Amino acid sequence: MKIHNIYVDDAGETHWRDIEVEWVEERRGSKLSARLPANGIIFRETSGDYDLDWHPAPRRQYIINLDAGVKITASDGEARDIGAGEVILVEDVRGKGHLSKSIGGKMRHSIFVPVE
């Protein structure tokens, strides 16, 4: 299982990388990761015409898309379509940030899980 991760370098540019979830336990046909720190949960509904200009993330947080996708472009030019059921860890809390745009004009429901 992978998590998309957008982060900022020392020059303030954002980039993508993938984080592989490390499994630490298996039971009853399931694999589990270690418990990760989190600080609350935020539910979000985003309109189908969402098209946000350059912005940094408001905080380090996981974003879990529930029913639609979002196209996110890092300042280095790499864009990723993050679909329903996929997870992003946004860590670009300074610098230029990223672009965010709805995919296919669909309303998107997501969950934000702050980690600080």
C-alpha atoms as a PDB file:
ATOM      1  CA  MET A   1       0.000   0.000   0.000  1.00  0.00           C
ATOM      2  CA  LYS A   2       1.386   3.382  -0.919  1.00  0.00           C
ATOM      3  CA  ILE A   3       0.744   6.895   0.269  1.00  0.00           C
ATOM      4  CA  HIS A   4       1.322   9.829  -2.083  1.00  0.00           C
ATOM      5  CA  ASN A   5       3.505  12.410  -0.336  1.00  0.00           C
ATOM      6  CA  ILE A   6       3.985  16.025  -1.389  1.00  0.00           C
ATOM      7  CA  TYR A   7       6.822  17.751   0.442  1.00  0.00           C
ATOM      8  CA  VAL A   8       8.884  20.939   0.227  1.00  0.00           C
ATOM      9  CA  ASP A   9      12.672  21.116  -0.210  1.00  0.00           C
ATOM     10  CA  ASP A  10      15.060  23.669   1.301  1.00  0.00           C
ATOM     11  CA  ALA A  11      14.556  25.983  -1.714  1.00  0.00           C
ATOM     12  CA  GLY A  12      10.762  26.067  -1.179  1.00  0.00           C
ATOM     13  CA  GLU A  13       9.921  23.849  -4.194  1.00  0.00           C
ATOM     14  CA  THR A  14       7.424  21.020  -3.832  1.00  0.00           C
ATOM     15  CA  HIS A  15       7.949  17.473  -5.055  1.00  0.00           C
ATOM     16  CA  TRP A  16       6.203  14.111  -5.018  1.00  0.00           C
ATOM     17  CA  ARG A  17       7.417  10.821  -3.578  1.00  0.00           C
ATOM     18  CA  ASP A  18       5.712   7.604  -2.539  1.00  0.00           C
ATOM     19  CA  ILE A  19       5.726   6.214   0.982  1.00  0.00           C
ATOM     20  CA  GLU A  20       5.204   2.479   1.375  1.00  0.00           C
ATOM     21  CA  VAL A  21       3.161   1.514   4.422  1.00  0.00           C
ATOM     22  CA  GLU A  22       5.196  -0.783   6.654  1.00  0.00           C
ATOM     23  CA  TRP A  23       3.229  -3.729   7.996  1.00  0.00           C
ATOM     24  CA  VAL A  24       4.090  -4.658  11.578  1.00  0.00           C
ATOM     25  CA  GLU A  25       1.385  -7.186  12.384  1.00  0.00           C
ATOM     26  CA  GLU A  26      -0.769  -9.819  10.709  1.00  0.00           C
ATOM     27  CA  ARG A  27      -3.945 -11.295  12.142  1.00  0.00           C
ATOM     28  CA  ARG A  28      -7.177 -12.810  10.885  1.00  0.00           C
ATOM     29  CA  GLY A  29      -6.224 -12.316   7.237  1.00  0.00           C
ATOM     30  CA  SER A  30      -5.281  -8.626   7.696  1.00  0.00           C
ATOM     31  CA  LYS A  31      -2.046  -6.666   7.800  1.00  0.00           C
ATOM     32  CA  LEU A  32      -1.707  -3.710  10.148  1.00  0.00           C
ATOM     33  CA  SER A  33       0.723  -0.799  10.294  1.00  0.00           C
ATOM     34  CA  ALA A  34       2.015   0.727  13.491  1.00  0.00           C
ATOM     35  CA  ARG A  35      -0.266   3.324  15.062  1.00  0.00           C
ATOM     36  CA  LEU A  36       0.596   6.714  13.590  1.00  0.00           C
ATOM     37  CA  PRO A  37       0.101  10.028  15.408  1.00  0.00           C
ATOM     38  CA  ALA A  38      -2.981  12.050  14.499  1.00  0.00           C
ATOM     39  CA  ASN A  39      -4.822  15.020  15.938  1.00  0.00           C
ATOM     40  CA  GLY A  40      -8.515  14.941  15.061  1.00  0.00           C
ATOM     41  CA  ILE A  41     -10.459  14.437  11.880  1.00  0.00           C
ATOM     42  CA  ILE A  42     -12.000  16.936   9.450  1.00  0.00           C
ATOM     43  CA  PHE A  43     -14.675  16.067   6.886  1.00  0.00           C
ATOM     44  CA  ARG A  44     -14.637  18.048   3.637  1.00  0.00           C
ATOM     45  CA  GLU A  45     -16.935  18.472   0.649  1.00  0.00           C
ATOM     46  CA  THR A  46     -15.347  20.103  -2.395  1.00  0.00           C
ATOM     47  CA  SER A  47     -17.357  21.406  -5.366  1.00  0.00           C
ATOM     48  CA  GLY A  48     -16.925  19.922  -8.821  1.00  0.00           C
ATOM     49  CA  ASP A  49     -15.598  23.215 -10.205  1.00  0.00           C
ATOM     50  CA  TYR A  50     -12.781  23.407  -7.623  1.00  0.00           C
ATOM     51  CA  ASP A  51      -9.610  24.891  -9.160  1.00  0.00           C
ATOM     52  CA  LEU A  52      -7.301  26.409  -6.552  1.00  0.00           C
ATOM     53  CA  ASP A  53      -4.217  28.454  -7.470  1.00  0.00           C
ATOM     54  CA  TRP A  54      -0.797  27.975  -5.814  1.00  0.00           C
ATOM     55  CA  HIS A  55      -1.074  27.431  -2.065  1.00  0.00           C
ATOM     56  CA  PRO A  56       0.832  25.633   0.691  1.00  0.00           C
ATOM     57  CA  ALA A  57      -0.952  23.079   2.853  1.00  0.00           C
ATOM     58  CA  PRO A  58      -2.469  24.626   6.009  1.00  0.00           C
ATOM     59  CA  ARG A  59      -0.879  21.896   8.155  1.00  0.00           C
ATOM     60  CA  ARG A  60       0.761  18.476   7.819  1.00  0.00           C
ATOM     61  CA  GLN A  61      -2.131  16.117   7.249  1.00  0.00           C
ATOM     62  CA  TYR A  62      -3.318  12.979   5.544  1.00  0.00           C
ATOM     63  CA  ILE A  63      -6.084  13.438   2.988  1.00  0.00           C
ATOM     64  CA  ILE A  64      -8.236  10.419   2.190  1.00  0.00           C
ATOM     65  CA  ASN A  65     -10.406  10.756  -0.927  1.00  0.00           C
ATOM     66  CA  LEU A  66     -13.711   8.955  -0.513  1.00  0.00           C
ATOM     67  CA  ASP A  67     -15.644   9.219  -3.765  1.00  0.00           C
ATOM     68  CA  ALA A  68     -13.834  11.329  -6.372  1.00  0.00           C
ATOM     69  CA  GLY A  69     -10.366  12.477  -7.320  1.00  0.00           C
ATOM     70  CA  VAL A  70      -8.232  15.580  -7.334  1.00  0.00           C
ATOM     71  CA  LYS A  71      -5.350  16.611  -9.578  1.00  0.00           C
ATOM     72  CA  ILE A  72      -2.471  18.060  -7.576  1.00  0.00           C
ATOM     73  CA  THR A  73       0.521  19.705  -9.254  1.00  0.00           C
ATOM     74  CA  ALA A  74       3.787  20.217  -7.370  1.00  0.00           C
ATOM     75  CA  SER A  75       5.845  23.333  -8.059  1.00  0.00           C
ATOM     76  CA  ASP A  76       8.432  21.173  -9.893  1.00  0.00           C
ATOM     77  CA  GLY A  77       5.711  20.508 -12.517  1.00  0.00           C
ATOM     78  CA  GLU A  78       4.858  16.897 -11.640  1.00  0.00           C
ATOM     79  CA  ALA A  79       1.095  16.386 -11.470  1.00  0.00           C
ATOM     80  CA  ARG A  80      -0.725  13.421  -9.963  1.00  0.00           C
ATOM     81  CA  ASP A  81      -4.346  12.382 -10.190  1.00  0.00           C
ATOM     82  CA  ILE A  82      -5.264  11.117  -6.730  1.00  0.00           C
ATOM     83  CA  GLY A  83      -8.351   8.952  -7.063  1.00  0.00           C
ATOM     84  CA  ALA A  84     -11.103   7.781  -4.741  1.00  0.00           C
ATOM     85  CA  GLY A  85      -9.728   5.567  -1.979  1.00  0.00           C
ATOM     86  CA  GLU A  86      -6.197   6.953  -2.279  1.00  0.00           C
ATOM     87  CA  VAL A  87      -4.255   8.668   0.512  1.00  0.00           C
ATOM     88  CA  ILE A  88      -2.029  11.758   0.364  1.00  0.00           C
ATOM     89  CA  LEU A  89       0.308  13.050   3.065  1.00  0.00           C
ATOM     90  CA  VAL A  90       0.653  16.804   2.444  1.00  0.00           C
ATOM     91  CA  GLU A  91       3.748  18.327   4.023  1.00  0.00           C
ATOM     92  CA  ASP A  92       4.306  21.420   1.863  1.00  0.00           C
ATOM     93  CA  VAL A  93       3.370  23.863   4.616  1.00  0.00           C
ATOM     94  CA  ARG A  94       5.754  26.561   3.337  1.00  0.00           C
ATOM     95  CA  GLY A  95       7.098  27.665  -0.022  1.00  0.00           C
ATOM     96  CA  LYS A  96       5.113  27.940  -3.256  1.00  0.00           C
ATOM     97  CA  GLY A  97       2.870  24.998  -2.447  1.00  0.00           C
ATOM     98  CA  HIS A  98       0.778  23.206  -5.044  1.00  0.00           C
ATOM     99  CA  LEU A  99      -2.190  23.522  -7.395  1.00  0.00           C
ATOM    100  CA  SER A 100      -5.409  21.565  -6.726  1.00  0.00           C
ATOM    101  CA  LYS A 101      -8.148  20.898  -9.263  1.00  0.00           C
ATOM    102  CA  SER A 102     -11.215  18.663  -9.364  1.00  0.00           C
ATOM    103  CA  ILE A 103     -11.236  15.790 -11.830  1.00  0.00           C
ATOM    104  CA  GLY A 104     -14.169  15.374 -14.188  1.00  0.00           C
ATOM    105  CA  GLY A 105     -16.267  18.075 -12.546  1.00  0.00           C
ATOM    106  CA  LYS A 106     -17.282  15.727  -9.722  1.00  0.00           C
ATOM    107  CA  MET A 107     -17.998  16.836  -6.178  1.00  0.00           C
ATOM    108  CA  ARG A 108     -15.451  15.231  -3.837  1.00  0.00           C
ATOM    109  CA  HIS A 109     -15.814  14.109  -0.264  1.00  0.00           C
ATOM    110  CA  SER A 110     -12.623  13.609   1.688  1.00  0.00           C
ATOM    111  CA  ILE A 111     -11.280  13.236   5.181  1.00  0.00           C
ATOM    112  CA  PHE A 112      -8.396  15.297   6.575  1.00  0.00           C
ATOM    113  CA  VAL A 113      -6.386  13.786   9.411  1.00  0.00           C
ATOM    114  CA  PRO A 114      -3.994  16.390  10.914  1.00  0.00           C
ATOM    115  CA  VAL A 115      -0.722  14.952  12.189  1.00  0.00           C
ATOM    116  CA  GLU A 116       0.562  17.858  14.288  1.00  0.00           C
END
